[in-house]
Amino acid sequence: MFNSIKGIITHKSAHSIHLENHGIEWILETSATTLSTTPAIGETLRIYTYMHHREDQLLLFGFSSLKERELFMNLITVSGLGPKGARKLLSGVSVDSFIQALEQEDVKALNKLPGLGAKTAGKIILQLRGKLIHLDQDTSISSDDNEWVQSLSAMGFDRKQAEKIVTRLLNHEDLQDLPAVKKEQEIIRRAIMELSS
């Protein structure tokens, strides 16, 4: 999976954004929430991605935050709610408000979201309640640093443990003066060593 794309915004529409990266123009389907946070056409943007591939369909979705992407990826596992439905739903609510409604089993609040009926709202509550609480918690690491946690998690390491170790390594004095690329490599190397022991 592509994690993110950085490029120049060439076009915006109600449901998508176009990014040019090294001569290739990407069309990314986005929520209204993501669109509202993007800079003007001609500006540079880094956007997190999810590629949806079916036999007759290849779509690239873009998200302003890892938090929104993770919620989207959980939503598309719910029966009857595909990627376009999940994108539409995310256009009507913030990630935090959605999780709050989910945890409180507030079917009325979920019902007010675009394209979401009572039956699907019930399915979402049944399937996702309790699974998304970590998205609602503050983290002491930035979205860039959180990518290292995601990488470690993708390698099979425990996410919470990886987050603790990365947070601690970020404060190591001997890493502060390293160039960005070297610092990233060293943090990943040390984190893997600690998580493997």
C-alpha atoms as a PDB file:
ATOM      1  CA  MET A   1       0.000   0.000   0.000  1.00  0.00           C
ATOM      2  CA  PHE A   2       1.136   3.551  -0.670  1.00  0.00           C
ATOM      3  CA  ASN A   3       1.377   5.366   2.663  1.00  0.00           C
ATOM      4  CA  SER A   4       1.249   8.909   1.316  1.00  0.00           C
ATOM      5  CA  ILE A   5       1.804  11.098  -1.737  1.00  0.00           C
ATOM      6  CA  LYS A   6       3.400  14.534  -1.721  1.00  0.00           C
ATOM      7  CA  GLY A   7       2.793  16.790  -4.675  1.00  0.00           C
ATOM      8  CA  ILE A   8       1.354  19.998  -6.063  1.00  0.00           C
ATOM      9  CA  ILE A   9      -2.420  20.434  -6.036  1.00  0.00           C
ATOM     10  CA  THR A  10      -3.624  20.828  -9.620  1.00  0.00           C
ATOM     11  CA  HIS A  11      -7.399  20.513  -9.165  1.00  0.00           C
ATOM     12  CA  LYS A  12     -10.104  20.211  -6.505  1.00  0.00           C
ATOM     13  CA  SER A  13     -13.705  19.052  -6.836  1.00  0.00           C
ATOM     14  CA  ALA A  14     -16.478  18.223  -4.370  1.00  0.00           C
ATOM     15  CA  HIS A  15     -15.172  14.689  -3.821  1.00  0.00           C
ATOM     16  CA  SER A  16     -11.593  14.612  -5.072  1.00  0.00           C
ATOM     17  CA  ILE A  17      -8.252  16.298  -5.261  1.00  0.00           C
ATOM     18  CA  HIS A  18      -5.604  16.020  -7.996  1.00  0.00           C
ATOM     19  CA  LEU A  19      -1.909  15.970  -7.074  1.00  0.00           C
ATOM     20  CA  GLU A  20       1.021  16.156  -9.474  1.00  0.00           C
ATOM     21  CA  ASN A  21       4.086  14.238  -8.344  1.00  0.00           C
ATOM     22  CA  HIS A  22       7.120  13.987 -10.679  1.00  0.00           C
ATOM     23  CA  GLY A  23       5.023  14.350 -13.827  1.00  0.00           C
ATOM     24  CA  ILE A  24       2.260  11.966 -12.736  1.00  0.00           C
ATOM     25  CA  GLU A  25      -1.105  13.426 -11.791  1.00  0.00           C
ATOM     26  CA  TRP A  26      -2.945  11.396  -9.160  1.00  0.00           C
ATOM     27  CA  ILE A  27      -6.708  11.580  -8.592  1.00  0.00           C
ATOM     28  CA  LEU A  28      -7.557  10.995  -4.941  1.00  0.00           C
ATOM     29  CA  GLU A  29     -11.114  10.552  -3.705  1.00  0.00           C
ATOM     30  CA  THR A  30     -11.490  12.523  -0.467  1.00  0.00           C
ATOM     31  CA  SER A  31     -13.993  13.447   2.201  1.00  0.00           C
ATOM     32  CA  ALA A  32     -15.227  17.008   2.660  1.00  0.00           C
ATOM     33  CA  THR A  33     -13.331  16.960   5.977  1.00  0.00           C
ATOM     34  CA  THR A  34     -10.021  16.369   4.204  1.00  0.00           C
ATOM     35  CA  LEU A  35     -10.814  18.869   1.438  1.00  0.00           C
ATOM     36  CA  SER A  36     -11.512  21.573   4.017  1.00  0.00           C
ATOM     37  CA  THR A  37      -7.975  21.229   5.413  1.00  0.00           C
ATOM     38  CA  THR A  38      -6.067  21.322   2.108  1.00  0.00           C
ATOM     39  CA  PRO A  39      -4.216  24.390   0.825  1.00  0.00           C
ATOM     40  CA  ALA A  40      -5.015  26.207  -2.425  1.00  0.00           C
ATOM     41  CA  ILE A  41      -4.400  24.925  -5.962  1.00  0.00           C
ATOM     42  CA  GLY A  42      -0.701  25.327  -6.811  1.00  0.00           C
ATOM     43  CA  GLU A  43       0.384  24.620  -3.227  1.00  0.00           C
ATOM     44  CA  THR A  44       2.244  21.515  -2.062  1.00  0.00           C
ATOM     45  CA  LEU A  45       0.350  18.894  -0.088  1.00  0.00           C
ATOM     46  CA  ARG A  46       1.219  15.607   1.549  1.00  0.00           C
ATOM     47  CA  ILE A  47      -1.809  13.325   1.800  1.00  0.00           C
ATOM     48  CA  TYR A  48      -2.190   9.851   3.337  1.00  0.00           C
ATOM     49  CA  THR A  49      -3.578   7.244   0.965  1.00  0.00           C
ATOM     50  CA  TYR A  50      -5.532   4.027   0.678  1.00  0.00           C
ATOM     51  CA  MET A  51      -5.791   2.092  -2.593  1.00  0.00           C
ATOM     52  CA  HIS A  52      -9.041   0.225  -3.169  1.00  0.00           C
ATOM     53  CA  HIS A  53      -8.708  -2.476  -5.793  1.00  0.00           C
ATOM     54  CA  ARG A  54     -11.465  -4.663  -7.138  1.00  0.00           C
ATOM     55  CA  GLU A  55     -11.701  -6.639 -10.364  1.00  0.00           C
ATOM     56  CA  ASP A  56     -13.472  -3.767 -12.139  1.00  0.00           C
ATOM     57  CA  GLN A  57     -12.300  -0.829 -10.036  1.00  0.00           C
ATOM     58  CA  LEU A  58      -9.093   0.872  -8.920  1.00  0.00           C
ATOM     59  CA  LEU A  59      -9.548   3.909  -6.671  1.00  0.00           C
ATOM     60  CA  LEU A  60      -7.100   5.930  -4.610  1.00  0.00           C
ATOM     61  CA  PHE A  61      -8.465   7.639  -1.494  1.00  0.00           C
ATOM     62  CA  GLY A  62      -6.751  10.548   0.268  1.00  0.00           C
ATOM     63  CA  PHE A  63      -6.871  11.582   3.940  1.00  0.00           C
ATOM     64  CA  SER A  64      -5.538  14.611   5.783  1.00  0.00           C
ATOM     65  CA  SER A  65      -4.639  12.491   8.827  1.00  0.00           C
ATOM     66  CA  LEU A  66      -3.681   8.952   9.744  1.00  0.00           C
ATOM     67  CA  LYS A  67      -6.572   9.017  12.195  1.00  0.00           C
ATOM     68  CA  GLU A  68      -9.134   9.598   9.439  1.00  0.00           C
ATOM     69  CA  ARG A  69      -7.554   6.901   7.252  1.00  0.00           C
ATOM     70  CA  GLU A  70      -7.670   4.344  10.065  1.00  0.00           C
ATOM     71  CA  LEU A  71     -11.333   5.118  10.750  1.00  0.00           C
ATOM     72  CA  PHE A  72     -12.078   4.784   7.010  1.00  0.00           C
ATOM     73  CA  MET A  73     -10.312   1.410   6.863  1.00  0.00           C
ATOM     74  CA  ASN A  74     -12.376   0.174   9.801  1.00  0.00           C
ATOM     75  CA  LEU A  75     -15.616   1.456   8.271  1.00  0.00           C
ATOM     76  CA  ILE A  76     -15.135  -0.382   4.967  1.00  0.00           C
ATOM     77  CA  THR A  77     -15.040  -3.693   6.854  1.00  0.00           C
ATOM     78  CA  VAL A  78     -18.688  -3.153   7.839  1.00  0.00           C
ATOM     79  CA  SER A  79     -21.081  -5.106   5.614  1.00  0.00           C
ATOM     80  CA  GLY A  80     -23.078  -2.784   3.341  1.00  0.00           C
ATOM     81  CA  LEU A  81     -20.715   0.180   3.698  1.00  0.00           C
ATOM     82  CA  GLY A  82     -18.201   0.327   0.843  1.00  0.00           C
ATOM     83  CA  PRO A  83     -15.391   2.850   0.329  1.00  0.00           C
ATOM     84  CA  LYS A  84     -17.600   5.465  -1.337  1.00  0.00           C
ATOM     85  CA  GLY A  85     -20.153   5.133   1.475  1.00  0.00           C
ATOM     86  CA  ALA A  86     -17.410   5.464   4.096  1.00  0.00           C
ATOM     87  CA  ARG A  87     -16.036   8.561   2.340  1.00  0.00           C
ATOM     88  CA  LYS A  88     -19.514  10.095   2.256  1.00  0.00           C
ATOM     89  CA  LEU A  89     -20.002   9.338   5.938  1.00  0.00           C
ATOM     90  CA  LEU A  90     -16.654  10.953   6.845  1.00  0.00           C
ATOM     91  CA  SER A  91     -17.735  14.087   4.964  1.00  0.00           C
ATOM     92  CA  GLY A  92     -20.418  14.702   7.562  1.00  0.00           C
ATOM     93  CA  VAL A  93     -18.514  14.232  10.821  1.00  0.00           C
ATOM     94  CA  SER A  94     -15.118  14.616  12.486  1.00  0.00           C
ATOM     95  CA  VAL A  95     -13.274  11.474  13.571  1.00  0.00           C
ATOM     96  CA  ASP A  96     -13.627  12.443  17.250  1.00  0.00           C
ATOM     97  CA  SER A  97     -17.383  13.094  17.002  1.00  0.00           C
ATOM     98  CA  PHE A  98     -17.905   9.803  15.183  1.00  0.00           C
ATOM     99  CA  ILE A  99     -16.013   7.801  17.821  1.00  0.00           C
ATOM    100  CA  GLN A 100     -17.929   9.556  20.607  1.00  0.00           C
ATOM    101  CA  ALA A 101     -21.280   8.677  18.979  1.00  0.00           C
ATOM    102  CA  LEU A 102     -20.089   5.110  18.433  1.00  0.00           C
ATOM    103  CA  GLU A 103     -18.930   4.572  22.015  1.00  0.00           C
ATOM    104  CA  GLN A 104     -22.160   6.071  23.395  1.00  0.00           C
ATOM    105  CA  GLU A 105     -24.168   3.883  20.981  1.00  0.00           C
ATOM    106  CA  ASP A 106     -25.870   7.058  19.788  1.00  0.00           C
ATOM    107  CA  VAL A 107     -27.828   5.677  16.811  1.00  0.00           C
ATOM    108  CA  LYS A 108     -29.688   9.012  16.423  1.00  0.00           C
ATOM    109  CA  ALA A 109     -26.431  10.943  15.938  1.00  0.00           C
ATOM    110  CA  LEU A 110     -25.109   8.353  13.486  1.00  0.00           C
ATOM    111  CA  ASN A 111     -28.443   8.352  11.629  1.00  0.00           C
ATOM    112  CA  LYS A 112     -28.013  12.059  10.863  1.00  0.00           C
ATOM    113  CA  LEU A 113     -24.855  11.371   8.865  1.00  0.00           C
ATOM    114  CA  PRO A 114     -25.159  11.482   5.052  1.00  0.00           C
ATOM    115  CA  GLY A 115     -26.153   8.163   3.500  1.00  0.00           C
ATOM    116  CA  LEU A 116     -26.393   6.245   6.773  1.00  0.00           C
ATOM    117  CA  GLY A 117     -29.610   4.472   7.714  1.00  0.00           C
ATOM    118  CA  ALA A 118     -30.569   2.937  11.069  1.00  0.00           C
ATOM    119  CA  LYS A 119     -29.712  -0.598   9.958  1.00  0.00           C
ATOM    120  CA  THR A 120     -26.164   0.271   8.863  1.00  0.00           C
ATOM    121  CA  ALA A 121     -25.693   2.490  11.945  1.00  0.00           C
ATOM    122  CA  GLY A 122     -26.574  -0.530  14.079  1.00  0.00           C
ATOM    123  CA  LYS A 123     -24.081  -2.696  12.186  1.00  0.00           C
ATOM    124  CA  ILE A 124     -21.333  -0.103  12.679  1.00  0.00           C
ATOM    125  CA  ILE A 125     -21.976   0.037  16.436  1.00  0.00           C
ATOM    126  CA  LEU A 126     -22.071  -3.745  16.716  1.00  0.00           C
ATOM    127  CA  GLN A 127     -18.865  -4.266  14.741  1.00  0.00           C
ATOM    128  CA  LEU A 128     -16.691  -1.290  15.723  1.00  0.00           C
ATOM    129  CA  ARG A 129     -17.685  -0.281  19.257  1.00  0.00           C
ATOM    130  CA  GLY A 130     -14.639  -0.499  21.534  1.00  0.00           C
ATOM    131  CA  LYS A 131     -12.197  -0.985  18.644  1.00  0.00           C
ATOM    132  CA  LEU A 132     -11.536   2.681  17.874  1.00  0.00           C
ATOM    133  CA  ILE A 133     -10.958   4.186  21.330  1.00  0.00           C
ATOM    134  CA  HIS A 134      -7.192   4.476  20.664  1.00  0.00           C
ATOM    135  CA  LEU A 135      -7.959   6.905  17.812  1.00  0.00           C
ATOM    136  CA  ASP A 136      -9.613   9.243  20.279  1.00  0.00           C
ATOM    137  CA  GLN A 137      -6.635   9.414  22.623  1.00  0.00           C
ATOM    138  CA  ASP A 138      -3.991  12.111  22.482  1.00  0.00           C
ATOM    139  CA  THR A 139      -0.530  10.954  21.529  1.00  0.00           C
ATOM    140  CA  SER A 140       2.737  12.600  22.417  1.00  0.00           C
ATOM    141  CA  ILE A 141       4.183  11.963  18.963  1.00  0.00           C
ATOM    142  CA  SER A 142       3.506  13.923  15.792  1.00  0.00           C
ATOM    143  CA  SER A 143       1.860  12.484  12.673  1.00  0.00           C
ATOM    144  CA  ASP A 144       5.298  12.193  11.000  1.00  0.00           C
ATOM    145  CA  ASP A 145       6.731  10.319  13.983  1.00  0.00           C
ATOM    146  CA  ASN A 146       3.578   8.210  14.123  1.00  0.00           C
ATOM    147  CA  GLU A 147       4.540   6.808  10.706  1.00  0.00           C
ATOM    148  CA  TRP A 148       7.467   5.057  12.392  1.00  0.00           C
ATOM    149  CA  VAL A 149       5.004   3.474  14.819  1.00  0.00           C
ATOM    150  CA  GLN A 150       2.839   2.384  11.885  1.00  0.00           C
ATOM    151  CA  SER A 151       5.853   0.887  10.112  1.00  0.00           C
ATOM    152  CA  LEU A 152       6.795  -1.096  13.226  1.00  0.00           C
ATOM    153  CA  SER A 153       3.190  -2.186  13.665  1.00  0.00           C
ATOM    154  CA  ALA A 154       3.123  -3.372  10.024  1.00  0.00           C
ATOM    155  CA  MET A 155       6.200  -5.500  10.807  1.00  0.00           C
ATOM    156  CA  GLY A 156       4.118  -7.328  13.403  1.00  0.00           C
ATOM    157  CA  PHE A 157       5.223  -5.498  16.560  1.00  0.00           C
ATOM    158  CA  ASP A 158       2.728  -4.398  19.223  1.00  0.00           C
ATOM    159  CA  ARG A 159       1.547  -0.853  18.414  1.00  0.00           C
ATOM    160  CA  LYS A 160       1.348   0.402  22.017  1.00  0.00           C
ATOM    161  CA  GLN A 161       4.822  -0.940  22.804  1.00  0.00           C
ATOM    162  CA  ALA A 162       6.212   0.587  19.588  1.00  0.00           C
ATOM    163  CA  GLU A 163       4.658   3.958  20.468  1.00  0.00           C
ATOM    164  CA  LYS A 164       6.287   3.934  23.935  1.00  0.00           C
ATOM    165  CA  ILE A 165       9.703   3.066  22.537  1.00  0.00           C
ATOM    166  CA  VAL A 166       9.561   5.615  19.687  1.00  0.00           C
ATOM    167  CA  THR A 167       8.442   8.342  22.132  1.00  0.00           C
ATOM    168  CA  ARG A 168      11.385   7.533  24.425  1.00  0.00           C
ATOM    169  CA  LEU A 169      13.904   7.354  21.558  1.00  0.00           C
ATOM    170  CA  LEU A 170      12.802  10.764  20.259  1.00  0.00           C
ATOM    171  CA  ASN A 171      14.135  12.269  23.486  1.00  0.00           C
ATOM    172  CA  HIS A 172      17.568  10.583  23.368  1.00  0.00           C
ATOM    173  CA  GLU A 173      20.259  13.274  23.350  1.00  0.00           C
ATOM    174  CA  ASP A 174      22.592  11.371  21.006  1.00  0.00           C
ATOM    175  CA  LEU A 175      19.902  11.388  18.289  1.00  0.00           C
ATOM    176  CA  GLN A 176      19.021  15.097  18.424  1.00  0.00           C
ATOM    177  CA  ASP A 177      21.814  16.373  16.145  1.00  0.00           C
ATOM    178  CA  LEU A 178      21.539  13.661  13.483  1.00  0.00           C
ATOM    179  CA  PRO A 179      20.237  14.574   9.996  1.00  0.00           C
ATOM    180  CA  ALA A 180      16.539  13.681   9.561  1.00  0.00           C
ATOM    181  CA  VAL A 181      17.096  10.566   7.404  1.00  0.00           C
ATOM    182  CA  LYS A 182      19.853   9.205   9.674  1.00  0.00           C
ATOM    183  CA  LYS A 183      17.745   9.924  12.762  1.00  0.00           C
ATOM    184  CA  GLU A 184      14.782   8.026  11.295  1.00  0.00           C
ATOM    185  CA  GLN A 185      16.967   5.034  10.393  1.00  0.00           C
ATOM    186  CA  GLU A 186      18.516   4.955  13.854  1.00  0.00           C
ATOM    187  CA  ILE A 187      15.165   5.195  15.643  1.00  0.00           C
ATOM    188  CA  ILE A 188      13.722   2.354  13.550  1.00  0.00           C
ATOM    189  CA  ARG A 189      16.876   0.238  14.079  1.00  0.00           C
ATOM    190  CA  ARG A 190      16.896   0.734  17.851  1.00  0.00           C
ATOM    191  CA  ALA A 191      13.139   0.229  18.131  1.00  0.00           C
ATOM    192  CA  ILE A 192      13.336  -3.091  16.243  1.00  0.00           C
ATOM    193  CA  MET A 193      16.165  -4.235  18.536  1.00  0.00           C
ATOM    194  CA  GLU A 194      14.181  -3.367  21.670  1.00  0.00           C
ATOM    195  CA  LEU A 195      10.930  -4.848  20.396  1.00  0.00           C
ATOM    196  CA  SER A 196      12.687  -8.060  19.321  1.00  0.00           C
ATOM    197  CA  SER A 197      14.369  -8.665  22.682  1.00  0.00           C
END
